Amino acid sequence: MRIKIRQNTLGWILRISSALCVSALSVLSWMPGQYMARTGILTGHQEHFLTYLFTGAFVAAIPSKSTTPMHAASALVAYAAVLELGQHFVPGRSSAFDDFFSSVLGAIAGVAAVWLVRALSVSGRAVASVIAR
């Protein structure tokens, strides 16, 4: 059974999810070290990668005619840089290039995954319409 969600509703869900992810990134990145908690399961780099992977996927999935995957990835890379550099000024935290690099890889992977799914979806429909003729 397929659930139909109106495009407008899905767009709002993705926008709100993206805003929550981006907000959570800033809160977690600039939280003082004494309040910071790690998962205990993943390394710090894996946590950076996964949080930016999901954020990148949500941001890239927002339906937009003017925003390209390159815009989404570039914005998230710049945001990761600002957050990582800002940690230098947070008590008990330090900025590190390897954390930034993990964040960038996650953001690009999330955006690329959404782009790939869309590209395959469009090409699949095009191939199906040709076969149906």
Protein backbone atom coordinates (compact mmCIF):
# COMPACT_ATOMS: atom_id res chain seq x y z
CA MET A 1 0.00 0.00 0.00
CA ARG A 2 1.41 3.34 -1.00
CA ILE A 3 0.81 6.42 1.15
CA LYS A 4 0.27 9.59 -0.82
CA ILE A 5 1.57 12.78 0.73
CA ARG A 6 0.93 16.06 -0.97
CA GLN A 7 4.09 17.65 -2.32
CA ASN A 8 3.47 20.81 -0.31
CA THR A 9 3.14 18.85 2.95
CA LEU A 10 6.30 16.88 2.24
CA GLY A 11 8.14 20.12 1.50
CA TRP A 12 7.14 21.58 4.86
CA ILE A 13 8.12 18.39 6.69
CA LEU A 14 11.55 18.49 5.03
CA ARG A 15 12.00 22.20 5.78
CA ILE A 16 11.15 21.72 9.45
CA SER A 17 13.40 18.63 9.70
CA SER A 18 16.23 20.56 8.07
CA ALA A 19 15.80 23.51 10.42
CA LEU A 20 15.83 21.18 13.42
CA CYS A 21 18.98 19.42 12.19
CA VAL A 22 20.80 22.70 11.48
CA SER A 23 19.75 24.08 14.88
CA ALA A 24 20.84 20.92 16.66
CA LEU A 25 24.24 21.15 14.97
CA SER A 26 24.81 24.64 16.34
CA VAL A 27 23.65 23.74 19.86
CA LEU A 28 25.75 20.58 19.98
CA SER A 29 28.80 22.20 18.40
CA TRP A 30 28.91 25.16 20.75
CA MET A 31 27.87 23.40 23.94
CA PRO A 32 30.56 23.77 26.63
CA GLY A 33 32.75 20.71 27.05
CA GLN A 34 31.51 19.97 30.58
CA TYR A 35 27.97 19.35 29.27
CA MET A 36 28.97 17.41 26.17
CA ALA A 37 28.10 13.71 26.01
CA ARG A 38 29.24 11.22 23.38
CA THR A 39 27.30 8.19 22.20
CA GLY A 40 29.93 5.76 23.46
CA ILE A 41 29.25 3.59 20.43
CA LEU A 42 30.68 5.80 17.70
CA THR A 43 33.91 7.74 17.49
CA GLY A 44 33.76 11.54 17.34
CA HIS A 45 34.50 11.46 13.62
CA GLN A 46 31.70 8.97 12.99
CA GLU A 47 29.29 11.16 14.98
CA HIS A 48 30.30 14.19 12.87
CA PHE A 49 29.89 12.22 9.65
CA LEU A 50 26.44 10.84 10.52
CA THR A 51 24.96 14.09 11.82
CA TYR A 52 26.05 15.96 8.70
CA LEU A 53 24.98 13.03 6.47
CA PHE A 54 21.40 13.26 7.75
CA THR A 55 21.41 17.06 7.74
CA GLY A 56 22.74 17.08 4.16
CA ALA A 57 20.08 14.60 3.08
CA PHE A 58 17.25 16.63 4.65
CA VAL A 59 18.52 19.91 3.22
CA ALA A 60 19.05 18.46 -0.27
CA ALA A 61 15.62 16.80 -0.26
CA ILE A 62 13.77 20.10 0.14
CA PRO A 63 11.89 20.68 -3.10
CA SER A 64 13.28 23.81 -4.73
CA LYS A 65 13.58 25.05 -8.28
CA SER A 66 16.39 27.48 -7.52
CA THR A 67 18.61 25.52 -5.10
CA THR A 68 20.95 22.94 -6.58
CA PRO A 69 22.75 20.13 -4.74
CA MET A 70 25.93 22.20 -5.10
CA HIS A 71 24.27 25.09 -3.22
CA ALA A 72 23.18 22.78 -0.41
CA ALA A 73 26.61 21.14 -0.10
CA SER A 74 28.44 24.48 -0.22
CA ALA A 75 26.20 25.98 2.45
CA LEU A 76 26.72 23.00 4.75
CA VAL A 77 30.49 23.05 4.23
CA ALA A 78 30.59 26.75 5.12
CA TYR A 79 28.33 26.12 8.13
CA ALA A 80 30.59 23.29 9.32
CA ALA A 81 33.61 25.61 9.05
CA VAL A 82 31.89 28.34 11.09
CA LEU A 83 30.78 25.88 13.77
CA GLU A 84 34.17 24.20 13.97
CA LEU A 85 36.06 27.50 14.19
CA GLY A 86 33.57 28.76 16.78
CA GLN A 87 34.45 25.86 19.06
CA HIS A 88 37.79 27.59 19.64
CA PHE A 89 35.91 30.13 21.79
CA VAL A 90 33.76 27.63 23.73
CA PRO A 91 35.07 26.59 27.17
CA GLY A 92 36.27 22.99 27.20
CA ARG A 93 36.09 22.61 23.42
CA SER A 94 38.67 22.85 20.67
CA SER A 95 38.41 23.03 16.91
CA ALA A 96 40.07 20.34 14.81
CA PHE A 97 40.54 19.97 11.08
CA ASP A 98 39.78 16.24 11.15
CA ASP A 99 36.37 16.93 12.75
CA PHE A 100 35.68 19.52 10.06
CA PHE A 101 36.76 17.04 7.37
CA SER A 102 34.41 14.36 8.76
CA SER A 103 31.57 16.89 8.76
CA VAL A 104 32.28 17.89 5.16
CA LEU A 105 32.38 14.27 4.00
CA GLY A 106 29.05 13.59 5.73
CA ALA A 107 27.37 16.67 4.25
CA ILE A 108 28.57 15.87 0.75
CA ALA A 109 27.56 12.21 1.11
CA GLY A 110 24.06 13.17 2.29
CA VAL A 111 23.53 15.65 -0.52
CA ALA A 112 24.98 13.22 -3.08
CA ALA A 113 22.73 10.40 -1.88
CA VAL A 114 19.59 12.50 -2.40
CA TRP A 115 20.85 13.70 -5.78
CA LEU A 116 21.59 10.10 -6.84
CA VAL A 117 18.16 8.84 -5.76
CA ARG A 118 16.48 11.67 -7.68
CA ALA A 119 18.60 11.07 -10.77
CA LEU A 120 17.89 7.33 -10.75
CA SER A 121 14.20 7.99 -10.13
CA VAL A 122 13.96 10.34 -13.10
CA SER A 123 15.99 8.11 -15.40
CA GLY A 124 13.97 5.08 -14.28
CA ARG A 125 10.74 6.81 -15.22
CA ALA A 126 12.20 7.82 -18.58
CA VAL A 127 13.32 4.25 -19.31
CA ALA A 128 9.96 2.85 -18.18
CA SER A 129 8.07 5.21 -20.48
CA VAL A 130 10.25 4.18 -23.44
CA ILE A 131 9.75 0.47 -22.68
CA ALA A 132 5.98 0.93 -22.32
CA ARG A 133 5.70 2.26 -25.89
